[in-house]
């Protein structure tokens, strides 16, 4: 497959992934452009690989991490332009759900968001994520669990969480018992 054919077939999927990773359309476009520039320079090697998508996903993640490290001390967030604009109602429920998921992911720290995207959007296993990010698989699983719990708490959608004691005795954060365990 030629580079041009690959771009024609996969550019939109790459842009969706970049948007999920960055949460910003412009940064996503820049990330895809930089990834494709790298791909063009190394296309013979990439084309010979068994999984060109996976190779370019790794390139994209590495470029994102490099960019975040470089920007870490230089960016100061003053205001999010999205907060200044009126909220536009989505016509389709799917678009609304997608927007809600993006906003929820944006509340997580960068590394936690990256782990969730690699795990659930790209369907990487814990070992692959750990190897790529220089972590242990247990740390990846722990981070995934904490991130999901944080998202559930932030949305008020706790389902079966809490400590074993809390689940068995129906105890909530306030120290009260749930209706199910109190017989009410």
C-alpha atoms as a PDB file:
ATOM      1  CA  UNK A   1       0.000   0.000   0.000  1.00  0.00           C
ATOM      2  CA  UNK A   2       1.308   3.458  -0.774  1.00  0.00           C
ATOM      3  CA  UNK A   3       1.528   6.210   1.803  1.00  0.00           C
ATOM      4  CA  UNK A   4      -1.156   8.185  -0.052  1.00  0.00           C
ATOM      5  CA  UNK A   5      -3.539   5.213   0.002  1.00  0.00           C
ATOM      6  CA  UNK A   6      -2.948   4.703   3.700  1.00  0.00           C
ATOM      7  CA  UNK A   7      -3.660   8.365   4.457  1.00  0.00           C
ATOM      8  CA  UNK A   8      -6.827   8.300   2.347  1.00  0.00           C
ATOM      9  CA  UNK A   9      -8.081   5.220   4.211  1.00  0.00           C
ATOM     10  CA  UNK A  10      -6.951   5.966   7.783  1.00  0.00           C
ATOM     11  CA  UNK A  11      -6.632   9.743   8.246  1.00  0.00           C
ATOM     12  CA  UNK A  12     -10.129  10.204   9.683  1.00  0.00           C
ATOM     13  CA  UNK A  13      -9.605   7.395  12.211  1.00  0.00           C
ATOM     14  CA  UNK A  14      -6.254   8.905  13.186  1.00  0.00           C
ATOM     15  CA  UNK A  15      -7.921  12.289  13.683  1.00  0.00           C
ATOM     16  CA  UNK A  16     -10.604  10.746  15.917  1.00  0.00           C
ATOM     17  CA  UNK A  17      -7.929   9.068  18.040  1.00  0.00           C
ATOM     18  CA  UNK A  18      -5.900  12.286  18.260  1.00  0.00           C
ATOM     19  CA  UNK A  19      -9.001  14.195  19.335  1.00  0.00           C
ATOM     20  CA  UNK A  20      -9.765  11.675  22.069  1.00  0.00           C
ATOM     21  CA  UNK A  21      -6.153  11.906  23.262  1.00  0.00           C
ATOM     22  CA  UNK A  22      -5.922  15.707  23.226  1.00  0.00           C
ATOM     23  CA  UNK A  23      -9.505  16.863  23.740  1.00  0.00           C
ATOM     24  CA  UNK A  24      -8.856  19.728  21.313  1.00  0.00           C
ATOM     25  CA  UNK A  25      -9.566  19.746  17.569  1.00  0.00           C
ATOM     26  CA  UNK A  26      -6.621  21.983  16.629  1.00  0.00           C
ATOM     27  CA  UNK A  27      -4.087  20.071  18.708  1.00  0.00           C
ATOM     28  CA  UNK A  28      -5.511  16.837  17.292  1.00  0.00           C
ATOM     29  CA  UNK A  29      -4.969  18.077  13.728  1.00  0.00           C
ATOM     30  CA  UNK A  30      -1.406  19.110  14.583  1.00  0.00           C
ATOM     31  CA  UNK A  31      -0.732  15.730  16.175  1.00  0.00           C
ATOM     32  CA  UNK A  32      -2.014  13.851  13.112  1.00  0.00           C
ATOM     33  CA  UNK A  33       0.022  16.058  10.799  1.00  0.00           C
ATOM     34  CA  UNK A  34       3.200  15.473  12.806  1.00  0.00           C
ATOM     35  CA  UNK A  35       2.487  11.735  12.965  1.00  0.00           C
ATOM     36  CA  UNK A  36       1.949  11.561   9.217  1.00  0.00           C
ATOM     37  CA  UNK A  37       5.151  13.537   8.579  1.00  0.00           C
ATOM     38  CA  UNK A  38       7.003  10.912  10.618  1.00  0.00           C
ATOM     39  CA  UNK A  39       5.183   8.157   8.745  1.00  0.00           C
ATOM     40  CA  UNK A  40       6.151   9.563   5.360  1.00  0.00           C
ATOM     41  CA  UNK A  41       9.814   9.661   6.344  1.00  0.00           C
ATOM     42  CA  UNK A  42       9.689   6.023   7.514  1.00  0.00           C
ATOM     43  CA  UNK A  43       7.012   4.627   5.204  1.00  0.00           C
ATOM     44  CA  UNK A  44       9.038   1.696   3.824  1.00  0.00           C
ATOM     45  CA  UNK A  45       9.611   0.354   7.337  1.00  0.00           C
ATOM     46  CA  UNK A  46       6.001   0.996   8.392  1.00  0.00           C
ATOM     47  CA  UNK A  47       4.549  -0.580   5.257  1.00  0.00           C
ATOM     48  CA  UNK A  48       6.571  -3.760   5.848  1.00  0.00           C
ATOM     49  CA  UNK A  49       5.318  -4.100   9.424  1.00  0.00           C
ATOM     50  CA  UNK A  50       2.434  -6.431  10.229  1.00  0.00           C
ATOM     51  CA  UNK A  51       0.444  -3.712  12.008  1.00  0.00           C
ATOM     52  CA  UNK A  52       0.990  -0.234  10.516  1.00  0.00           C
ATOM     53  CA  UNK A  53      -1.946   1.203  12.515  1.00  0.00           C
ATOM     54  CA  UNK A  54      -0.488   0.038  15.798  1.00  0.00           C
ATOM     55  CA  UNK A  55       2.940   1.395  14.848  1.00  0.00           C
ATOM     56  CA  UNK A  56       1.470   4.820  14.046  1.00  0.00           C
ATOM     57  CA  UNK A  57      -0.674   4.790  17.198  1.00  0.00           C
ATOM     58  CA  UNK A  58       2.550   4.371  19.186  1.00  0.00           C
ATOM     59  CA  UNK A  59       4.190   7.189  17.214  1.00  0.00           C
ATOM     60  CA  UNK A  60       1.177   9.401  17.942  1.00  0.00           C
ATOM     61  CA  UNK A  61       1.253   8.633  21.672  1.00  0.00           C
ATOM     62  CA  UNK A  62       5.015   9.242  21.836  1.00  0.00           C
ATOM     63  CA  UNK A  63       4.662  12.572  20.026  1.00  0.00           C
ATOM     64  CA  UNK A  64       1.865  13.579  22.387  1.00  0.00           C
ATOM     65  CA  UNK A  65       3.965  12.725  25.451  1.00  0.00           C
ATOM     66  CA  UNK A  66       6.949  14.659  24.026  1.00  0.00           C
ATOM     67  CA  UNK A  67       4.729  17.664  23.376  1.00  0.00           C
ATOM     68  CA  UNK A  68       3.266  17.551  26.889  1.00  0.00           C
ATOM     69  CA  UNK A  69       6.728  17.364  28.448  1.00  0.00           C
ATOM     70  CA  UNK A  70       7.907  20.280  26.340  1.00  0.00           C
ATOM     71  CA  UNK A  71       4.858  22.397  27.191  1.00  0.00           C
ATOM     72  CA  UNK A  72       4.688  21.446  30.868  1.00  0.00           C
ATOM     73  CA  UNK A  73       6.466  24.524  32.146  1.00  0.00           C
ATOM     74  CA  UNK A  74       5.481  26.974  29.442  1.00  0.00           C
ATOM     75  CA  UNK A  75       1.672  26.937  29.287  1.00  0.00           C
ATOM     76  CA  UNK A  76      -0.579  28.910  31.588  1.00  0.00           C
ATOM     77  CA  UNK A  77      -4.305  28.335  31.134  1.00  0.00           C
ATOM     78  CA  UNK A  78      -6.213  31.595  31.427  1.00  0.00           C
ATOM     79  CA  UNK A  79      -9.656  30.561  30.191  1.00  0.00           C
ATOM     80  CA  UNK A  80     -11.107  27.871  28.024  1.00  0.00           C
ATOM     81  CA  UNK A  81     -12.742  29.455  24.980  1.00  0.00           C
ATOM     82  CA  UNK A  82     -15.444  26.796  25.199  1.00  0.00           C
ATOM     83  CA  UNK A  83     -16.475  28.215  28.574  1.00  0.00           C
ATOM     84  CA  UNK A  84     -16.966  31.651  27.010  1.00  0.00           C
ATOM     85  CA  UNK A  85     -19.166  30.449  24.153  1.00  0.00           C
ATOM     86  CA  UNK A  86     -22.824  29.549  24.596  1.00  0.00           C
ATOM     87  CA  UNK A  87     -23.506  25.831  24.821  1.00  0.00           C
ATOM     88  CA  UNK A  88     -24.820  24.415  21.551  1.00  0.00           C
ATOM     89  CA  UNK A  89     -27.388  21.648  21.891  1.00  0.00           C
ATOM     90  CA  UNK A  90     -26.567  18.525  19.912  1.00  0.00           C
ATOM     91  CA  UNK A  91     -29.356  17.173  17.769  1.00  0.00           C
ATOM     92  CA  UNK A  92     -28.367  13.521  18.029  1.00  0.00           C
ATOM     93  CA  UNK A  93     -28.065  11.744  21.355  1.00  0.00           C
ATOM     94  CA  UNK A  94     -24.898  10.032  20.148  1.00  0.00           C
ATOM     95  CA  UNK A  95     -23.181  13.375  19.651  1.00  0.00           C
ATOM     96  CA  UNK A  96     -24.265  14.435  23.135  1.00  0.00           C
ATOM     97  CA  UNK A  97     -22.921  11.250  24.674  1.00  0.00           C
ATOM     98  CA  UNK A  98     -19.641  11.672  22.811  1.00  0.00           C
ATOM     99  CA  UNK A  99     -19.314  15.241  24.057  1.00  0.00           C
ATOM    100  CA  UNK A 100     -20.078  14.159  27.615  1.00  0.00           C
ATOM    101  CA  UNK A 101     -17.416  11.443  27.409  1.00  0.00           C
ATOM    102  CA  UNK A 102     -14.878  13.979  26.102  1.00  0.00           C
ATOM    103  CA  UNK A 103     -15.658  16.389  28.938  1.00  0.00           C
ATOM    104  CA  UNK A 104     -15.438  13.616  31.515  1.00  0.00           C
ATOM    105  CA  UNK A 105     -12.077  12.454  30.170  1.00  0.00           C
ATOM    106  CA  UNK A 106     -10.824  16.042  30.217  1.00  0.00           C
ATOM    107  CA  UNK A 107     -11.258  16.110  34.011  1.00  0.00           C
ATOM    108  CA  UNK A 108      -8.629  13.390  34.423  1.00  0.00           C
ATOM    109  CA  UNK A 109      -4.874  13.983  34.606  1.00  0.00           C
ATOM    110  CA  UNK A 110      -3.092  13.505  31.275  1.00  0.00           C
ATOM    111  CA  UNK A 111      -1.555  10.126  32.095  1.00  0.00           C
ATOM    112  CA  UNK A 112      -4.824   8.709  33.442  1.00  0.00           C
ATOM    113  CA  UNK A 113      -6.698   9.879  30.337  1.00  0.00           C
ATOM    114  CA  UNK A 114      -3.987   8.424  28.101  1.00  0.00           C
ATOM    115  CA  UNK A 115      -4.199   5.044  29.863  1.00  0.00           C
ATOM    116  CA  UNK A 116      -8.004   4.930  29.482  1.00  0.00           C
ATOM    117  CA  UNK A 117      -7.820   5.877  25.796  1.00  0.00           C
ATOM    118  CA  UNK A 118      -5.172   3.245  25.082  1.00  0.00           C
ATOM    119  CA  UNK A 119      -7.104   0.625  27.035  1.00  0.00           C
ATOM    120  CA  UNK A 120     -10.668   1.231  25.880  1.00  0.00           C
ATOM    121  CA  UNK A 121     -10.408   3.201  22.632  1.00  0.00           C
ATOM    122  CA  UNK A 122      -7.473   1.325  21.110  1.00  0.00           C
ATOM    123  CA  UNK A 123      -8.139  -1.906  23.036  1.00  0.00           C
ATOM    124  CA  UNK A 124      -4.534  -2.315  24.208  1.00  0.00           C
ATOM    125  CA  UNK A 125      -3.957  -4.766  27.023  1.00  0.00           C
ATOM    126  CA  UNK A 126      -2.361  -3.734  30.328  1.00  0.00           C
ATOM    127  CA  UNK A 127       0.994  -5.278  29.411  1.00  0.00           C
ATOM    128  CA  UNK A 128       1.237  -3.294  26.152  1.00  0.00           C
ATOM    129  CA  UNK A 129       0.310  -0.041  27.883  1.00  0.00           C
ATOM    130  CA  UNK A 130       2.771  -0.716  30.691  1.00  0.00           C
ATOM    131  CA  UNK A 131       5.557  -1.497  28.247  1.00  0.00           C
ATOM    132  CA  UNK A 132       4.855   1.605  26.193  1.00  0.00           C
ATOM    133  CA  UNK A 133       4.569   4.005  29.141  1.00  0.00           C
ATOM    134  CA  UNK A 134       7.353   2.498  31.267  1.00  0.00           C
ATOM    135  CA  UNK A 135       5.043   1.317  34.044  1.00  0.00           C
ATOM    136  CA  UNK A 136       4.208  -2.042  35.567  1.00  0.00           C
ATOM    137  CA  UNK A 137       1.021  -3.788  34.408  1.00  0.00           C
ATOM    138  CA  UNK A 138      -0.278  -3.567  37.979  1.00  0.00           C
ATOM    139  CA  UNK A 139       0.183   0.206  37.948  1.00  0.00           C
ATOM    140  CA  UNK A 140      -1.741   0.402  34.685  1.00  0.00           C
ATOM    141  CA  UNK A 141      -4.617  -1.653  36.120  1.00  0.00           C
ATOM    142  CA  UNK A 142      -4.602   0.392  39.317  1.00  0.00           C
ATOM    143  CA  UNK A 143      -4.620   3.671  37.393  1.00  0.00           C
ATOM    144  CA  UNK A 144      -7.425   2.390  35.183  1.00  0.00           C
ATOM    145  CA  UNK A 145      -9.494   1.400  38.188  1.00  0.00           C
ATOM    146  CA  UNK A 146      -8.905   4.729  39.973  1.00  0.00           C
ATOM    147  CA  UNK A 147      -9.725   6.699  36.828  1.00  0.00           C
ATOM    148  CA  UNK A 148     -12.973   4.839  36.260  1.00  0.00           C
ATOM    149  CA  UNK A 149     -13.898   5.324  39.904  1.00  0.00           C
ATOM    150  CA  UNK A 150     -13.154   9.064  39.605  1.00  0.00           C
ATOM    151  CA  UNK A 151     -15.335   9.314  36.502  1.00  0.00           C
ATOM    152  CA  UNK A 152     -18.148   7.478  38.274  1.00  0.00           C
ATOM    153  CA  UNK A 153     -17.898   9.767  41.303  1.00  0.00           C
ATOM    154  CA  UNK A 154     -17.808  12.884  39.123  1.00  0.00           C
ATOM    155  CA  UNK A 155     -20.969  11.835  37.304  1.00  0.00           C
ATOM    156  CA  UNK A 156     -22.782  10.391  40.291  1.00  0.00           C
ATOM    157  CA  UNK A 157     -22.898   6.981  38.613  1.00  0.00           C
ATOM    158  CA  UNK A 158     -21.285   4.795  41.253  1.00  0.00           C
ATOM    159  CA  UNK A 159     -22.065   1.168  40.509  1.00  0.00           C
ATOM    160  CA  UNK A 160     -20.853  -1.445  42.940  1.00  0.00           C
ATOM    161  CA  UNK A 161     -17.815   0.532  44.003  1.00  0.00           C
ATOM    162  CA  UNK A 162     -16.396   1.231  47.406  1.00  0.00           C
ATOM    163  CA  UNK A 163     -14.552  -1.006  49.783  1.00  0.00           C
ATOM    164  CA  UNK A 164     -15.624  -4.569  50.440  1.00  0.00           C
ATOM    165  CA  UNK A 165     -17.042  -3.470  53.813  1.00  0.00           C
ATOM    166  CA  UNK A 166     -19.023  -0.685  52.141  1.00  0.00           C
ATOM    167  CA  UNK A 167     -20.458  -3.082  49.530  1.00  0.00           C
ATOM    168  CA  UNK A 168     -21.311  -5.838  52.020  1.00  0.00           C
ATOM    169  CA  UNK A 169     -22.844  -3.541  54.629  1.00  0.00           C
ATOM    170  CA  UNK A 170     -24.336  -0.932  52.317  1.00  0.00           C
ATOM    171  CA  UNK A 171     -22.297   1.826  53.973  1.00  0.00           C
ATOM    172  CA  UNK A 172     -21.895   5.004  51.933  1.00  0.00           C
ATOM    173  CA  UNK A 173     -19.438   7.880  52.349  1.00  0.00           C
ATOM    174  CA  UNK A 174     -21.809   9.609  54.759  1.00  0.00           C
ATOM    175  CA  UNK A 175     -21.751   6.545  57.027  1.00  0.00           C
ATOM    176  CA  UNK A 176     -25.404   5.700  56.360  1.00  0.00           C
ATOM    177  CA  UNK A 177     -26.704   2.416  55.090  1.00  0.00           C
ATOM    178  CA  UNK A 178     -28.241   2.069  51.648  1.00  0.00           C
ATOM    179  CA  UNK A 179     -31.950   1.422  51.311  1.00  0.00           C
ATOM    180  CA  UNK A 180     -31.266  -2.092  49.992  1.00  0.00           C
ATOM    181  CA  UNK A 181     -29.402  -3.264  53.105  1.00  0.00           C
ATOM    182  CA  UNK A 182     -31.612  -1.475  55.635  1.00  0.00           C
ATOM    183  CA  UNK A 183     -34.727  -3.327  54.454  1.00  0.00           C
ATOM    184  CA  UNK A 184     -36.554  -0.104  53.516  1.00  0.00           C
END
